[in-house]
Amino acid sequence: MAGFMLEIVTPDRKFFEEEVDMVIVRGIEGDLGILRGHAPLVTPLDIGKIRIKKDGKTRIAAIAGGYIEVGREKTTIIADAAEWPEEIDVQRAKEAKQRAEERLKRRDNIDVARAEIALRKAINRLKVAEERE
């Protein structure tokens, strides 16, 4: 199966750049599977996993939202943050989850939407970290 170039960038680094067979991301309206020859597309991404398939193997990473642009020869993901499972600091993610849950329980003088996003990011990071090979 012929692949396509996938580039994933964050504000900090070029996270990934290789030819792949398929990428699956979480869009704001659900999961998107991208194969070679996909129609051009630009859409926002939700907090979730990226699944990168190449040569019968799948790699998973956590992302904290962003955008995907599918072109004829290349797909680019611009993510707010991206981490491989082995890069995730599990203790830090657990602490962030706990802080967000406590803020949401109290609901006094907090930005509820911001606390909910922090909770979703922490849960996503923990789920991806559990998938370490």
Protein backbone atom coordinates (compact mmCIF):
# COMPACT_ATOMS: atom_id res chain seq x y z
CA MET A 1 0.00 0.00 0.00
CA ALA A 2 1.42 3.37 -1.01
CA GLY A 3 1.39 5.92 1.77
CA PHE A 4 1.49 9.66 2.21
CA MET A 5 3.59 12.12 4.18
CA LEU A 6 2.34 12.95 7.67
CA GLU A 7 3.78 15.86 9.59
CA ILE A 8 2.77 16.67 13.16
CA VAL A 9 4.01 19.93 14.66
CA THR A 10 3.47 21.59 18.04
CA PRO A 11 4.58 25.00 19.29
CA ASP A 12 7.63 23.27 20.83
CA ARG A 13 8.82 20.92 18.11
CA LYS A 14 8.32 18.91 14.97
CA PHE A 15 6.74 15.90 16.66
CA PHE A 16 6.59 13.50 13.71
CA GLU A 17 7.39 13.43 10.00
CA GLU A 18 7.27 10.20 8.02
CA GLU A 19 5.43 8.45 5.27
CA VAL A 20 2.49 6.51 6.75
CA ASP A 21 -0.31 4.27 5.51
CA MET A 22 -3.11 5.81 7.60
CA VAL A 23 -3.74 8.25 10.42
CA ILE A 24 -6.81 8.33 12.65
CA VAL A 25 -7.57 11.48 14.63
CA ARG A 26 -10.42 12.79 16.75
CA GLY A 27 -12.14 15.67 14.99
CA ILE A 28 -14.67 17.84 16.77
CA GLU A 29 -17.43 15.83 15.11
CA GLY A 30 -15.89 12.37 15.60
CA ASP A 31 -13.01 10.22 14.42
CA LEU A 32 -11.44 10.77 11.00
CA GLY A 33 -9.45 8.15 9.13
CA ILE A 34 -7.08 9.54 6.51
CA LEU A 35 -5.64 7.41 3.72
CA ARG A 36 -3.69 8.35 0.61
CA GLY A 37 -5.97 10.11 -1.86
CA HIS A 38 -8.32 11.53 0.79
CA ALA A 39 -10.21 14.62 -0.34
CA PRO A 40 -8.53 17.88 0.71
CA LEU A 41 -9.76 18.96 4.13
CA VAL A 42 -9.05 21.40 6.94
CA THR A 43 -10.82 20.81 10.26
CA PRO A 44 -10.26 21.38 13.98
CA LEU A 45 -9.19 18.48 16.18
CA ASP A 46 -10.45 17.62 19.64
CA ILE A 47 -8.45 16.40 22.62
CA GLY A 48 -7.73 12.74 21.95
CA LYS A 49 -5.44 10.13 20.47
CA ILE A 50 -3.67 10.06 17.16
CA ARG A 51 -3.26 6.57 15.75
CA ILE A 52 -0.55 6.32 13.10
CA LYS A 53 -0.51 3.15 11.00
CA LYS A 54 2.52 2.09 9.00
CA ASP A 55 3.66 -1.33 7.76
CA GLY A 56 1.04 -3.16 9.85
CA LYS A 57 2.06 -1.42 13.10
CA THR A 58 0.19 1.28 15.00
CA ARG A 59 1.73 4.06 17.10
CA ILE A 60 -0.44 6.09 19.45
CA ALA A 61 0.10 9.60 20.77
CA ALA A 62 -1.92 12.02 22.89
CA ILE A 63 -2.83 15.41 21.46
CA ALA A 64 -4.46 18.39 23.10
CA GLY A 65 -6.44 19.71 20.16
CA GLY A 66 -5.35 21.56 17.05
CA TYR A 67 -6.04 21.35 13.32
CA ILE A 68 -5.50 18.86 10.51
CA GLU A 69 -4.92 19.85 6.89
CA VAL A 70 -5.18 17.07 4.34
CA GLY A 71 -3.58 17.90 1.01
CA ARG A 72 -2.96 15.85 -2.11
CA GLU A 73 0.55 14.70 -1.14
CA LYS A 74 0.87 15.59 2.53
CA THR A 75 -1.22 15.73 5.70
CA THR A 76 -0.23 18.21 8.37
CA ILE A 77 -1.43 18.24 11.97
CA ILE A 78 -0.81 21.36 14.01
CA ALA A 79 -1.42 20.36 17.62
CA ASP A 80 -1.46 22.43 20.80
CA ALA A 81 0.58 19.60 22.39
CA ALA A 82 1.54 16.04 21.42
CA GLU A 83 3.16 13.26 23.46
CA TRP A 84 4.13 9.65 22.89
CA PRO A 85 3.02 7.35 25.74
CA GLU A 86 6.59 7.04 27.07
CA GLU A 87 6.90 10.85 27.29
CA ILE A 88 3.87 11.28 29.53
CA ASP A 89 4.60 12.07 33.17
CA VAL A 90 1.86 9.92 34.72
CA GLN A 91 2.19 11.43 38.20
CA ARG A 92 1.88 14.95 36.80
CA ALA A 93 -1.18 13.93 34.76
CA LYS A 94 -2.81 12.36 37.85
CA GLU A 95 -2.18 15.55 39.83
CA ALA A 96 -3.64 17.70 37.04
CA LYS A 97 -6.72 15.45 36.92
CA GLN A 98 -7.18 15.72 40.67
CA ARG A 99 -6.81 19.53 40.64
CA ALA A 100 -9.36 19.86 37.83
CA GLU A 101 -11.84 17.56 39.59
CA GLU A 102 -11.49 19.55 42.82
CA ARG A 103 -12.05 22.84 40.99
CA LEU A 104 -15.17 21.46 39.34
CA LYS A 105 -16.56 20.20 42.66
CA ARG A 106 -16.09 23.59 44.37
CA ARG A 107 -17.17 25.71 41.39
CA ASP A 108 -16.36 28.88 43.29
CA ASN A 109 -14.76 31.65 41.27
CA ILE A 110 -13.43 29.33 38.57
CA ASP A 111 -13.60 29.18 34.83
CA VAL A 112 -15.64 25.97 34.48
CA ALA A 113 -14.85 25.50 30.78
CA ARG A 114 -11.12 25.80 31.46
CA ALA A 115 -11.31 23.29 34.32
CA GLU A 116 -13.27 20.85 32.13
CA ILE A 117 -10.66 21.12 29.36
CA ALA A 118 -7.85 20.54 31.88
CA LEU A 119 -9.69 17.45 33.13
CA ARG A 120 -10.18 16.08 29.60
CA LYS A 121 -6.50 16.64 28.75
CA ALA A 122 -5.35 14.87 31.92
CA ILE A 123 -7.68 11.90 31.35
CA ASN A 124 -6.53 11.61 27.72
CA ARG A 125 -2.87 11.65 28.74
CA LEU A 126 -3.49 8.94 31.35
CA LYS A 127 -5.34 6.73 28.86
CA VAL A 128 -2.54 7.05 26.30
CA ALA A 129 0.11 6.41 28.95
CA GLU A 130 -1.66 3.12 29.81
CA GLU A 131 -1.11 1.97 26.21
CA ARG A 132 2.68 1.90 26.48
CA GLU A 133 4.12 -1.11 24.77
